[in-house]
């Protein structure tokens, strides 16, 4: 058993400082940048879905923007498929904050996880997004919870996790200070 822990520690370049803290960490900015890159890829999937479904590119944008643009909460589908500059701006800001924040969270927890970073990116990235979605979305954005296309939404989260995970996983670790 002790040999197994030693191999995991060597594989992850994790010596312990104190109790349970990794000796090397990933800079948080790597998580922010990786999260933003993954978020941009998610936008591509959402826009592709909008075009493929025939509902247009503005539906996914307006569904995200409806979190902050409350008059869209009661809007019918035909209104949600039209361009709304306020929803575009609100959606971009909200999506950017969530993407970068979840990326930073991933960068913080990755050094504590055993195994290859890409495996965790495929698990943790979508898990963070989906848990935030299922817990927060129905409360703050019921219109998105009602109209979102779950298969494309899940695909977007998987791509987010992959891109964010590749970026964060390839970032050199730095020595943690006590």
Protein backbone atom coordinates (compact mmCIF):
# COMPACT_ATOMS: atom_id res chain seq x y z
CA UNK A 1 0.00 0.00 0.00
CA UNK A 2 2.80 2.42 0.86
CA UNK A 3 4.47 1.73 -2.49
CA UNK A 4 1.21 2.54 -4.28
CA UNK A 5 0.96 5.95 -2.57
CA UNK A 6 4.59 6.64 -3.38
CA UNK A 7 3.98 5.91 -7.08
CA UNK A 8 0.93 8.19 -7.16
CA UNK A 9 2.90 10.97 -5.47
CA UNK A 10 5.72 10.63 -7.98
CA UNK A 11 3.33 10.51 -10.92
CA UNK A 12 1.65 13.69 -9.78
CA UNK A 13 4.86 15.36 -8.53
CA UNK A 14 3.04 15.79 -5.24
CA UNK A 15 5.05 15.89 -2.08
CA UNK A 16 3.04 16.79 0.93
CA UNK A 17 3.51 20.00 2.85
CA UNK A 18 1.62 19.94 6.06
CA UNK A 19 -1.30 17.54 6.02
CA UNK A 20 -2.80 16.72 2.66
CA UNK A 21 -1.64 19.83 0.78
CA UNK A 22 0.21 19.41 -2.52
CA UNK A 23 3.76 20.73 -2.72
CA UNK A 24 3.13 21.89 -6.27
CA UNK A 25 0.10 23.79 -7.51
CA UNK A 26 -1.25 25.04 -10.80
CA UNK A 27 -1.38 28.83 -11.16
CA UNK A 28 -4.99 30.03 -10.93
CA UNK A 29 -4.60 32.10 -14.08
CA UNK A 30 -4.18 28.83 -16.00
CA UNK A 31 -7.62 27.82 -14.78
CA UNK A 32 -9.07 31.19 -15.73
CA UNK A 33 -7.57 31.05 -19.23
CA UNK A 34 -8.46 27.38 -19.69
CA UNK A 35 -11.99 28.06 -18.47
CA UNK A 36 -12.40 30.94 -20.91
CA UNK A 37 -11.07 28.80 -23.77
CA UNK A 38 -13.50 26.03 -22.86
CA UNK A 39 -16.31 28.59 -22.56
CA UNK A 40 -15.58 29.87 -26.07
CA UNK A 41 -15.76 26.30 -27.36
CA UNK A 42 -19.11 25.90 -25.60
CA UNK A 43 -20.39 28.96 -27.45
CA UNK A 44 -19.42 27.29 -30.71
CA UNK A 45 -21.42 24.18 -29.81
CA UNK A 46 -24.42 26.28 -28.76
CA UNK A 47 -24.38 28.33 -31.96
CA UNK A 48 -24.00 25.15 -34.00
CA UNK A 49 -27.02 23.70 -32.22
CA UNK A 50 -29.02 26.87 -32.93
CA UNK A 51 -28.24 26.61 -36.63
CA UNK A 52 -28.76 22.85 -36.80
CA UNK A 53 -32.08 22.97 -34.95
CA UNK A 54 -33.41 25.74 -37.19
CA UNK A 55 -34.11 27.96 -34.17
CA UNK A 56 -31.24 30.29 -34.97
CA UNK A 57 -28.13 31.41 -33.17
CA UNK A 58 -29.94 33.82 -30.85
CA UNK A 59 -31.89 31.19 -28.89
CA UNK A 60 -28.88 29.86 -26.93
CA UNK A 61 -27.57 33.39 -26.43
CA UNK A 62 -30.92 34.65 -25.15
CA UNK A 63 -31.40 31.65 -22.89
CA UNK A 64 -28.14 32.42 -21.12
CA UNK A 65 -28.82 36.16 -21.11
CA UNK A 66 -32.28 35.58 -19.62
CA UNK A 67 -30.56 34.86 -16.30
CA UNK A 68 -29.96 38.60 -15.95
CA UNK A 69 -32.51 40.02 -18.42
CA UNK A 70 -35.60 39.13 -16.47
CA UNK A 71 -38.17 40.25 -19.07
CA UNK A 72 -37.08 37.26 -21.18
CA UNK A 73 -38.20 34.86 -18.45
CA UNK A 74 -41.82 35.03 -19.58
CA UNK A 75 -41.09 35.49 -23.27
CA UNK A 76 -42.50 33.07 -25.85
CA UNK A 77 -40.15 31.06 -28.08
CA UNK A 78 -40.53 33.46 -31.04
CA UNK A 79 -39.16 36.30 -28.91
CA UNK A 80 -36.29 34.15 -27.62
CA UNK A 81 -35.12 33.41 -31.17
CA UNK A 82 -34.62 37.11 -32.02
CA UNK A 83 -31.58 39.29 -31.38
CA UNK A 84 -31.59 41.12 -28.02
CA UNK A 85 -28.44 43.23 -27.46
CA UNK A 86 -28.95 43.37 -23.70
CA UNK A 87 -29.25 39.58 -23.50
CA UNK A 88 -26.14 39.20 -25.67
CA UNK A 89 -24.11 41.47 -23.40
CA UNK A 90 -25.48 39.91 -20.19
CA UNK A 91 -24.98 36.39 -21.51
CA UNK A 92 -21.38 37.03 -22.54
CA UNK A 93 -20.51 38.53 -19.16
CA UNK A 94 -22.24 35.78 -17.19
CA UNK A 95 -20.84 32.97 -19.32
CA UNK A 96 -17.33 34.42 -19.13
CA UNK A 97 -17.49 34.73 -15.35
CA UNK A 98 -18.80 31.20 -14.90
CA UNK A 99 -16.33 29.70 -17.39
CA UNK A 100 -13.31 31.38 -15.83
CA UNK A 101 -14.49 30.81 -12.25
CA UNK A 102 -15.06 27.10 -12.76
CA UNK A 103 -11.71 26.85 -14.57
CA UNK A 104 -9.98 28.46 -11.59
CA UNK A 105 -11.76 26.04 -9.26
CA UNK A 106 -10.56 23.13 -11.39
CA UNK A 107 -6.97 24.44 -11.28
CA UNK A 108 -7.21 24.60 -7.48
CA UNK A 109 -8.45 21.05 -7.01
CA UNK A 110 -6.48 19.28 -9.79
CA UNK A 111 -3.22 18.94 -7.81
CA UNK A 112 -5.11 17.00 -5.11
CA UNK A 113 -6.55 14.43 -7.54
CA UNK A 114 -4.75 11.19 -8.44
CA UNK A 115 -4.32 10.11 -12.04
CA UNK A 116 -4.05 11.88 -15.37
CA UNK A 117 -5.34 15.47 -15.55
CA UNK A 118 -7.26 14.88 -18.79
CA UNK A 119 -9.32 12.12 -17.17
CA UNK A 120 -10.32 14.52 -14.42
CA UNK A 121 -11.06 17.25 -16.95
CA UNK A 122 -13.59 15.01 -18.66
CA UNK A 123 -15.14 14.22 -15.28
CA UNK A 124 -14.70 17.38 -13.18
CA UNK A 125 -15.26 20.06 -15.85
CA UNK A 126 -18.68 18.79 -16.93
CA UNK A 127 -19.54 17.83 -13.35
CA UNK A 128 -18.87 21.39 -12.12
CA UNK A 129 -20.93 22.88 -14.96
CA UNK A 130 -23.78 20.40 -14.71
CA UNK A 131 -24.07 20.59 -10.93
CA UNK A 132 -24.11 24.37 -11.15
CA UNK A 133 -26.72 24.01 -13.88
CA UNK A 134 -29.04 21.64 -12.03
CA UNK A 135 -28.76 23.44 -8.71
CA UNK A 136 -28.66 27.07 -9.83
CA UNK A 137 -30.36 27.13 -13.23
CA UNK A 138 -33.92 26.29 -12.15
CA UNK A 139 -33.74 28.97 -9.46
CA UNK A 140 -32.16 31.81 -11.45
CA UNK A 141 -33.15 31.00 -15.02
CA UNK A 142 -36.28 28.82 -15.32
CA UNK A 143 -36.73 29.70 -19.00
CA UNK A 144 -33.36 28.16 -19.83
CA UNK A 145 -34.14 25.12 -17.70
CA UNK A 146 -37.37 24.75 -19.70
CA UNK A 147 -35.99 25.24 -23.24
CA UNK A 148 -32.40 24.02 -23.16
CA UNK A 149 -31.55 21.13 -25.49
CA UNK A 150 -29.96 18.70 -23.05
CA UNK A 151 -27.93 16.59 -25.54
CA UNK A 152 -26.23 19.65 -27.06
CA UNK A 153 -25.86 21.16 -23.59
CA UNK A 154 -24.11 17.99 -22.36
CA UNK A 155 -21.87 17.94 -25.44
CA UNK A 156 -20.94 21.59 -24.83
CA UNK A 157 -20.01 20.74 -21.23
CA UNK A 158 -17.91 17.79 -22.31
CA UNK A 159 -16.03 19.98 -24.80
CA UNK A 160 -15.61 22.64 -22.10
CA UNK A 161 -14.05 20.05 -19.81
CA UNK A 162 -11.71 18.74 -22.50
CA UNK A 163 -10.41 22.13 -23.60
CA UNK A 164 -10.16 23.53 -20.10
CA UNK A 165 -8.52 20.32 -18.89
CA UNK A 166 -5.97 20.20 -21.69
CA UNK A 167 -4.96 23.80 -21.01
CA UNK A 168 -4.78 23.43 -17.24
CA UNK A 169 -3.17 19.98 -17.40
CA UNK A 170 -0.36 21.22 -19.65
CA UNK A 171 0.41 24.21 -17.45
CA UNK A 172 3.63 23.72 -15.48
CA UNK A 173 3.09 23.40 -11.76
CA UNK A 174 4.80 25.76 -9.37
CA UNK A 175 6.13 25.10 -5.91
CA UNK A 176 3.59 25.91 -3.22
CA UNK A 177 4.65 28.12 -0.37
CA UNK A 178 3.86 27.26 3.20
